[in-house]
Amino acid sequence: MTVSLPRTAAAGVLATLAALALSACGAAPDTTSTTADGKSAATATSAADFGGLDKLVAAAKKEGTLNAIALPRDWANYGALIDGFQKKYGIKISDENPDGTSQDEINAVTSRKGQGRAPDVLDLGSSFALSAAQQGLLAPYKVQSYDDIPAGQKDAQARWYNDYGGYISIGCDAKRVKTCPTTFADLLKPQYKGQVALNGNPTKSGSAFGGVYAAALASGGSFDDIQPGLDFFAKLKKNGNYTPVESTPATVEKGETPISIDWDYLNAGYADEFKSKGVDWKVTVPSDGQFSQYYSQAINKDAPHPAAARLWQEYLYSAEGQNLWLKGYARPALMTALEKAGTLDKTAAAKLPEVTGTPKFPTEAQQDKAKTVIAGGWAKAVSG
């Protein structure tokens, strides 16, 4: 999820090929996760619905495996979350294609329906979570802390809910760039020729999608009008500042992408990651394009390990799980609730990139509209 690996890198293809080599079809999903009185984990909409958390834990341990996808260990501290869950419950997590995109996750769900190697759980960019719900791919499930998740950050049917998020930011290698840009307007200046990158393709990547949305807000657009964001990148391409190289820790270290538009928690991770490698990585949340967004958790409706999938959600939305995201510079969805309860990691919270104001989020209809505009115009904007 270095903290800022994009979920688009080609390295994930190797994991996919390995999985395909092991099984062309995969085993059938586990349908044995039931209680003595016949309650099924696959249809449980809460731990209480399954007979309580202890019974869910027992069923998940019996399954013994959780299939995850597109979770880089160094994205928002996912490595610590994966290790913490495995240690606490003794359930092995298989994380396929860790650098994959949100769309890759959805594709895996649809193409592997009924197979044992289908993803159990998904971590999707907000707009992609909406799309997956609309396609009927997600299982409704309320974690025990569901009521504490802000109303605007969860599906009314509990098919998805926000987990962690942040602001679009500009990361800059201060040793390679004489004066680091701090606004989207700055990025258009001629001194940044060939230096400005996104960490993916906005038609597939939630973080890149957020980058275009932020550019729109900085260029006279709105949640209802993302076209100025496309126009911004068209200008960036035309004046030679935009590079089609998708930024990764490797491209930053090599100097191929000295300026990267990405989530603040990922860019903040670069700063920690590269101190020992001689890279002075500066992070700024641009004042002219403050776009905040969260990723969303969801369960595959046809999860091969339904109990483990639900237990994973419970772990992520516990104080332990939420604070582990916070340690990765990401703002957890339950941050306000944890602060009220006195369980927030205040040391980690104090290290978050500084921003002002209260974030606002696009509605489902606005995101759907924006995705349609980007799908039809991105290639044209950055081609030629």
Protein backbone atom coordinates (compact mmCIF):
# COMPACT_ATOMS: atom_id res chain seq x y z
CA MET A 1 0.00 0.00 0.00
CA THR A 2 8.56 2.10 1.21
CA VAL A 3 5.04 3.39 2.31
CA SER A 4 4.26 4.69 -1.10
CA LEU A 5 4.30 1.81 -3.54
CA PRO A 6 1.57 2.43 -6.11
CA ARG A 7 -0.99 -0.28 -6.63
CA THR A 8 -0.16 -0.33 -10.33
CA ALA A 9 3.38 -1.66 -10.55
CA ALA A 10 4.24 -4.50 -12.93
CA ALA A 11 5.87 -6.55 -10.17
CA GLY A 12 2.44 -7.72 -9.13
CA VAL A 13 2.15 -9.62 -12.42
CA LEU A 14 4.69 -12.13 -11.11
CA ALA A 15 2.44 -12.98 -8.17
CA THR A 16 -0.50 -13.40 -10.52
CA LEU A 17 1.43 -15.74 -12.81
CA ALA A 18 2.59 -17.79 -9.84
CA ALA A 19 -0.97 -18.21 -8.63
CA LEU A 20 -2.12 -19.23 -12.10
CA ALA A 21 0.64 -21.79 -12.32
CA LEU A 22 -0.45 -23.35 -9.05
CA SER A 23 -4.08 -23.67 -10.05
CA ALA A 24 -5.83 -23.13 -13.34
CA CYS A 25 -9.27 -23.33 -11.80
CA GLY A 26 -8.85 -23.23 -8.03
CA ALA A 27 -10.73 -25.11 -5.39
CA ALA A 28 -14.37 -24.50 -4.55
CA PRO A 29 -15.12 -21.96 -1.83
CA ASP A 30 -15.34 -23.12 1.77
CA THR A 31 -19.01 -23.66 2.61
CA THR A 32 -18.36 -25.35 5.94
CA SER A 33 -18.15 -22.16 8.05
CA THR A 34 -21.35 -22.76 9.97
CA THR A 35 -22.25 -22.93 13.64
CA ALA A 36 -23.82 -25.93 15.37
CA ASP A 37 -27.24 -24.35 14.91
CA GLY A 38 -26.71 -23.90 11.19
CA LYS A 39 -25.74 -20.22 10.98
CA SER A 40 -23.51 -19.53 7.99
CA ALA A 41 -20.59 -17.11 7.93
CA ALA A 42 -21.24 -16.53 4.24
CA THR A 43 -24.57 -14.88 5.00
CA ALA A 44 -23.77 -13.36 8.42
CA THR A 45 -24.30 -9.61 8.38
CA SER A 46 -22.60 -9.09 11.76
CA ALA A 47 -20.63 -11.05 14.34
CA ALA A 48 -23.77 -11.18 16.49
CA ASP A 49 -25.65 -12.65 13.56
CA PHE A 50 -23.13 -15.53 13.56
CA GLY A 51 -23.49 -16.12 17.28
CA GLY A 52 -20.84 -13.72 18.58
CA LEU A 53 -17.23 -12.78 17.90
CA ASP A 54 -15.82 -15.89 19.62
CA LYS A 55 -17.71 -18.16 17.24
CA LEU A 56 -16.55 -16.07 14.28
CA VAL A 57 -12.95 -16.38 15.46
CA ALA A 58 -13.30 -20.16 15.80
CA ALA A 59 -14.79 -20.49 12.32
CA ALA A 60 -12.10 -18.27 10.81
CA LYS A 61 -9.34 -20.28 12.46
CA LYS A 62 -10.89 -23.44 11.05
CA GLU A 63 -10.73 -21.93 7.56
CA GLY A 64 -7.10 -21.02 8.30
CA THR A 65 -6.57 -18.74 5.30
CA LEU A 66 -7.52 -15.28 4.09
CA ASN A 67 -7.14 -14.33 0.43
CA ALA A 68 -6.17 -10.68 0.10
CA ILE A 69 -5.21 -8.80 -3.04
CA ALA A 70 -3.42 -5.54 -3.89
CA LEU A 71 -2.13 -4.84 -0.36
CA PRO A 72 1.49 -3.65 -0.53
CA ARG A 73 3.14 -4.19 2.85
CA ASP A 74 4.49 -0.65 2.76
CA TRP A 75 1.22 1.04 1.77
CA ALA A 76 -0.30 2.78 4.83
CA ASN A 77 1.45 0.27 7.12
CA TYR A 78 -0.35 -2.78 5.71
CA GLY A 79 2.66 -4.96 6.55
CA ALA A 80 2.07 -4.38 10.25
CA LEU A 81 -1.66 -5.04 9.84
CA ILE A 82 -1.06 -8.31 8.00
CA ASP A 83 1.50 -9.45 10.56
CA GLY A 84 -0.70 -8.40 13.47
CA PHE A 85 -3.71 -10.34 12.20
CA GLN A 86 -1.68 -13.47 11.47
CA LYS A 87 -0.04 -13.39 14.89
CA LYS A 88 -3.27 -12.73 16.77
CA TYR A 89 -5.39 -15.39 15.08
CA GLY A 90 -2.94 -17.81 13.48
CA ILE A 91 -4.63 -17.34 10.10
CA LYS A 92 -2.38 -17.18 7.06
CA ILE A 93 -2.90 -14.23 4.72
CA SER A 94 -2.20 -14.83 1.05
CA ASP A 95 -1.66 -11.42 -0.57
CA GLU A 96 -1.73 -11.71 -4.33
CA ASN A 97 -0.62 -8.99 -6.74
CA PRO A 98 0.24 -6.54 -3.94
CA ASP A 99 0.86 -3.69 -6.38
CA GLY A 100 -2.38 -4.17 -8.29
CA THR A 101 -5.04 -1.52 -8.82
CA SER A 102 -8.58 -1.24 -7.49
CA GLN A 103 -9.84 -2.33 -10.89
CA ASP A 104 -7.57 -5.38 -10.76
CA GLU A 105 -9.30 -6.35 -7.52
CA ILE A 106 -12.74 -6.09 -9.06
CA ASN A 107 -11.59 -8.06 -12.11
CA ALA A 108 -10.29 -10.84 -9.86
CA VAL A 109 -13.64 -11.08 -8.08
CA THR A 110 -15.64 -11.35 -11.29
CA SER A 111 -13.27 -13.68 -13.15
CA ARG A 112 -12.76 -16.11 -10.24
CA LYS A 113 -16.28 -16.46 -8.94
CA GLY A 114 -16.67 -19.89 -7.35
CA GLN A 115 -12.92 -20.50 -7.15
CA GLY A 116 -10.89 -21.04 -4.01
CA ARG A 117 -8.33 -18.48 -5.05
CA ALA A 118 -10.85 -15.65 -5.42
CA PRO A 119 -10.19 -12.64 -3.15
CA ASP A 120 -11.97 -12.77 0.19
CA VAL A 121 -11.61 -9.07 0.95
CA LEU A 122 -11.07 -5.88 -1.01
CA ASP A 123 -9.47 -2.52 -0.30
CA LEU A 124 -10.82 -0.22 -3.00
CA GLY A 125 -10.64 3.40 -3.98
CA SER A 126 -13.95 4.97 -3.00
CA SER A 127 -15.30 5.26 -6.55
CA PHE A 128 -14.38 1.64 -7.23
CA ALA A 129 -16.16 0.47 -4.07
CA LEU A 130 -19.31 2.18 -5.32
CA SER A 131 -18.92 0.44 -8.66
CA ALA A 132 -18.42 -2.99 -7.05
CA ALA A 133 -21.52 -2.49 -4.91
CA GLN A 134 -23.55 -1.51 -7.97
CA GLN A 135 -22.40 -4.72 -9.67
CA GLY A 136 -23.66 -6.79 -6.74
CA LEU A 137 -20.20 -8.10 -5.86
CA LEU A 138 -20.09 -7.21 -2.16
CA ALA A 139 -21.49 -8.82 0.98
CA PRO A 140 -23.28 -6.66 3.56
CA TYR A 141 -21.53 -6.89 6.91
CA LYS A 142 -21.51 -4.53 9.90
CA VAL A 143 -18.38 -4.61 12.03
CA GLN A 144 -18.90 -4.06 15.75
CA SER A 145 -17.76 -0.43 15.42
CA TYR A 146 -19.96 0.24 12.37
CA ASP A 147 -22.11 2.84 14.15
CA ASP A 148 -18.99 4.91 14.93
CA ILE A 149 -18.07 5.25 11.26
CA PRO A 150 -19.29 8.69 10.05
CA ALA A 151 -22.55 8.46 8.11
CA GLY A 152 -21.07 9.93 4.97
CA GLN A 153 -18.31 7.34 4.91
CA LYS A 154 -20.28 4.11 4.75
CA ASP A 155 -22.82 2.38 2.58
CA ALA A 156 -26.31 2.30 4.08
CA GLN A 157 -26.40 -1.45 3.33
CA ALA A 158 -22.93 -1.98 4.88
CA ARG A 159 -21.51 -3.37 1.64
CA TRP A 160 -18.51 -1.08 2.01
CA TYR A 161 -17.23 1.51 4.48
CA ASN A 162 -14.22 3.76 4.58
CA ASP A 163 -11.14 2.51 6.34
CA TYR A 164 -8.27 5.02 6.03
CA GLY A 165 -7.55 8.06 3.94
CA GLY A 166 -5.71 11.31 3.45
CA TYR A 167 -5.16 14.25 1.16
CA ILE A 168 -3.66 14.46 -2.29
CA SER A 169 -0.19 15.91 -1.87
CA ILE A 170 2.87 16.87 -3.86
CA GLY A 171 6.06 14.99 -3.02
CA CYS A 172 9.36 16.42 -4.21
CA ASP A 173 13.01 15.36 -4.19
CA ALA A 174 14.57 18.56 -2.84
CA LYS A 175 18.07 17.49 -3.87
CA ARG A 176 17.09 17.18 -7.53
CA VAL A 177 14.53 19.99 -7.70
CA LYS A 178 15.88 23.45 -6.85
CA THR A 179 12.56 24.87 -5.65
CA CYS A 180 9.86 22.34 -4.78
CA PRO A 181 6.33 23.14 -6.01
CA THR A 182 3.69 23.61 -3.34
CA THR A 183 0.57 24.16 -5.49
CA PHE A 184 -0.93 22.76 -8.68
CA ALA A 185 -0.34 26.16 -10.28
CA ASP A 186 3.36 25.74 -9.56
CA LEU A 187 3.45 22.43 -11.43
CA LEU A 188 2.81 24.25 -14.72
CA LYS A 189 6.02 26.29 -14.40
CA PRO A 190 8.67 25.56 -17.07
CA GLN A 191 11.34 24.61 -14.53
CA TYR A 192 9.53 21.32 -13.87
CA LYS A 193 9.85 19.96 -17.39
CA GLY A 194 9.58 16.16 -17.49
CA GLN A 195 9.42 15.88 -13.69
CA VAL A 196 5.74 15.62 -12.68
CA ALA A 197 4.25 12.14 -12.27
CA LEU A 198 1.18 10.34 -10.98
CA ASN A 199 1.48 6.94 -9.34
CA GLY A 200 -0.92 5.26 -11.76
CA ASN A 201 -3.64 5.57 -14.37
CA PRO A 202 -6.77 7.33 -13.03
CA THR A 203 -9.06 4.97 -14.96
CA LYS A 204 -7.72 2.12 -12.81
CA SER A 205 -6.03 3.63 -9.75
CA GLY A 206 -7.86 5.31 -6.87
CA SER A 207 -4.87 7.48 -5.95
CA ALA A 208 -4.39 8.72 -9.51
CA PHE A 209 -8.14 9.36 -9.75
CA GLY A 210 -7.80 11.52 -6.64
CA GLY A 211 -4.92 13.38 -8.24
CA VAL A 212 -7.08 14.40 -11.20
CA TYR A 213 -9.93 15.41 -8.88
CA ALA A 214 -7.55 17.60 -6.84
CA ALA A 215 -6.24 19.20 -10.03
CA ALA A 216 -9.85 19.96 -11.03
CA LEU A 217 -10.54 21.70 -7.72
CA ALA A 218 -7.35 23.74 -8.20
CA SER A 219 -8.39 24.73 -11.72
CA GLY A 220 -11.90 26.05 -11.24
CA GLY A 221 -13.65 22.68 -11.23
CA SER A 222 -15.79 21.07 -8.58
CA PHE A 223 -17.02 17.68 -7.40
CA ASP A 224 -19.58 17.98 -10.19
CA ASP A 225 -17.02 19.00 -12.79
CA ILE A 226 -13.76 17.05 -13.06
CA GLN A 227 -13.09 18.17 -16.64
CA PRO A 228 -10.75 21.00 -15.51
CA GLY A 229 -8.58 18.28 -13.98
CA LEU A 230 -8.22 16.57 -17.33
CA ASP A 231 -7.54 19.95 -18.93
CA PHE A 232 -4.82 20.57 -16.32
CA PHE A 233 -3.00 17.35 -17.19
CA ALA A 234 -3.41 18.09 -20.89
CA LYS A 235 -1.61 21.41 -20.27
CA LEU A 236 1.01 19.64 -18.18
CA LYS A 237 1.57 17.19 -21.04
CA LYS A 238 1.63 19.90 -23.71
CA ASN A 239 4.25 22.00 -21.93
CA GLY A 240 6.41 18.92 -21.32
CA ASN A 241 6.15 18.83 -17.53
CA TYR A 242 4.10 15.63 -17.26
CA THR A 243 5.95 12.32 -17.43
CA PRO A 244 4.02 9.13 -18.20
CA VAL A 245 6.34 7.16 -15.90
CA GLU A 246 4.23 5.97 -12.97
CA SER A 247 6.02 6.91 -9.77
CA THR A 248 7.25 4.15 -7.48
CA PRO A 249 9.95 4.09 -4.79
CA ALA A 250 12.35 2.83 -7.46
CA THR A 251 11.61 5.64 -9.92
CA VAL A 252 11.95 8.23 -7.16
CA GLU A 253 15.27 6.79 -6.02
CA LYS A 254 16.57 6.80 -9.60
CA GLY A 255 15.43 10.37 -10.14
CA GLU A 256 12.95 9.43 -12.88
CA THR A 257 9.97 10.94 -11.01
CA PRO A 258 11.34 13.71 -8.76
CA ILE A 259 7.85 15.19 -8.30
CA SER A 260 4.96 12.86 -7.48
CA ILE A 261 1.26 13.63 -7.00
CA ASP A 262 0.01 11.09 -4.47
CA TRP A 263 -1.76 10.63 -1.14
CA ASP A 264 -0.08 12.48 1.72
CA TYR A 265 0.34 9.32 3.79
CA LEU A 266 2.25 7.67 0.96
CA ASN A 267 4.42 10.69 0.23
CA ALA A 268 5.06 11.05 3.98
CA GLY A 269 6.26 7.46 3.91
CA TYR A 270 8.73 8.35 1.19
CA ALA A 271 10.25 10.92 3.54
CA ASP A 272 10.95 8.24 6.15
CA GLU A 273 11.95 5.60 3.61
CA PHE A 274 14.54 7.63 1.76
CA LYS A 275 16.33 9.47 4.55
CA SER A 276 18.95 6.74 4.68
CA LYS A 277 19.25 6.74 0.88
CA GLY A 278 20.14 10.38 0.48
CA VAL A 279 16.77 11.53 -0.86
CA ASP A 280 15.37 14.66 0.78
CA TRP A 281 11.66 14.12 0.11
CA LYS A 282 9.45 17.10 0.90
CA VAL A 283 5.66 16.75 1.23
CA THR A 284 3.06 19.49 0.77
CA VAL A 285 -0.73 19.39 0.68
CA PRO A 286 -1.45 21.97 -2.06
CA SER A 287 -3.59 24.85 -0.84
CA ASP A 288 -5.26 25.27 -4.23
CA GLY A 289 -6.42 21.68 -4.54
CA GLN A 290 -7.27 20.15 -1.17
CA PHE A 291 -8.88 16.86 -2.08
CA SER A 292 -9.40 14.31 0.68
CA GLN A 293 -10.55 10.77 0.09
CA TYR A 294 -10.66 7.42 1.81
CA TYR A 295 -10.20 3.89 0.62
CA SER A 296 -13.01 1.48 1.41
CA GLN A 297 -13.10 -2.03 2.84
CA ALA A 298 -15.43 -4.67 1.47
CA ILE A 299 -16.05 -8.42 1.51
CA ASN A 300 -16.45 -10.46 -1.66
CA LYS A 301 -20.03 -11.76 -1.67
CA ASP A 302 -18.65 -15.13 -2.81
CA ALA A 303 -15.60 -15.14 -0.53
CA PRO A 304 -14.04 -18.62 -0.33
CA HIS A 305 -13.20 -17.97 3.36
CA PRO A 306 -16.25 -16.03 4.60
CA ALA A 307 -15.49 -16.23 8.32
CA ALA A 308 -11.88 -15.11 7.91
CA ALA A 309 -13.06 -12.28 5.66
CA ARG A 310 -15.41 -10.99 8.34
CA LEU A 311 -12.84 -11.40 11.10
CA TRP A 312 -10.34 -9.39 9.05
CA GLN A 313 -12.84 -6.54 8.93
CA GLU A 314 -13.34 -6.72 12.68
CA TYR A 315 -9.58 -6.53 13.19
CA LEU A 316 -9.16 -3.56 10.86
CA TYR A 317 -11.89 -1.61 12.64
CA SER A 318 -10.63 -2.37 16.13
CA ALA A 319 -8.53 0.25 17.96
CA GLU A 320 -5.46 -1.87 17.23
CA GLY A 321 -6.07 -1.97 13.50
CA GLN A 322 -7.06 1.68 13.19
CA ASN A 323 -3.97 2.85 15.08
CA LEU A 324 -1.72 0.75 12.86
CA TRP A 325 -3.01 2.66 9.82
CA LEU A 326 -2.40 5.87 11.74
CA LYS A 327 1.23 4.86 12.27
CA GLY A 328 1.47 4.67 8.48
CA TYR A 329 0.45 8.37 8.28
CA ALA A 330 -3.08 7.49 7.13
CA ARG A 331 -6.12 8.99 8.81
CA PRO A 332 -8.33 6.11 10.05
CA ALA A 333 -12.08 6.36 9.57
CA LEU A 334 -12.64 5.91 13.32
CA MET A 335 -10.11 8.58 14.32
CA THR A 336 -12.70 10.82 16.00
CA ALA A 337 -14.27 7.87 17.82
CA LEU A 338 -10.87 6.67 19.04
CA GLU A 339 -10.02 10.15 20.29
CA LYS A 340 -13.28 10.32 22.25
CA ALA A 341 -12.66 6.86 23.68
CA GLY A 342 -9.09 7.72 24.68
CA THR A 343 -7.64 4.93 22.51
CA LEU A 344 -6.09 7.09 19.77
CA ASP A 345 -2.31 6.87 19.31
CA LYS A 346 -1.60 10.56 19.93
CA THR A 347 2.09 10.29 19.02
CA ALA A 348 1.25 8.92 15.58
CA ALA A 349 -1.53 11.49 15.10
CA ALA A 350 0.90 14.34 15.78
CA LYS A 351 3.08 13.22 12.86
CA LEU A 352 0.35 13.56 10.20
CA PRO A 353 1.00 16.04 7.34
CA GLU A 354 -0.44 19.42 8.24
CA VAL A 355 -3.68 20.58 6.62
CA THR A 356 -6.31 23.20 7.41
CA GLY A 357 -10.08 23.15 7.10
CA THR A 358 -12.63 20.36 7.16
CA PRO A 359 -12.51 17.87 4.28
CA LYS A 360 -15.53 17.37 2.04
CA PHE A 361 -16.20 14.30 -0.07
CA PRO A 362 -17.89 13.80 -3.46
CA THR A 363 -21.19 11.93 -3.49
CA GLU A 364 -21.77 8.60 -5.20
CA ALA A 365 -23.39 10.33 -8.18
CA GLN A 366 -20.54 12.83 -8.47
CA GLN A 367 -17.92 10.08 -8.42
CA ASP A 368 -19.80 8.05 -11.02
CA LYS A 369 -19.94 11.10 -13.27
CA ALA A 370 -16.24 11.82 -12.73
CA LYS A 371 -15.26 8.23 -13.57
CA THR A 372 -17.20 8.45 -16.82
CA VAL A 373 -15.49 11.71 -17.78
CA ILE A 374 -12.03 10.33 -16.98
CA ALA A 375 -12.69 7.07 -18.82
CA GLY A 376 -13.59 9.00 -21.93
CA GLY A 377 -10.92 11.68 -21.76
CA TRP A 378 -7.77 10.60 -19.94
CA ALA A 379 -5.97 8.94 -22.84
CA LYS A 380 -6.62 11.96 -25.05
CA ALA A 381 -5.46 14.38 -22.38
CA VAL A 382 -2.01 12.82 -21.96
CA SER A 383 -1.40 11.42 -25.46
CA GLY A 384 0.76 12.94 -28.14
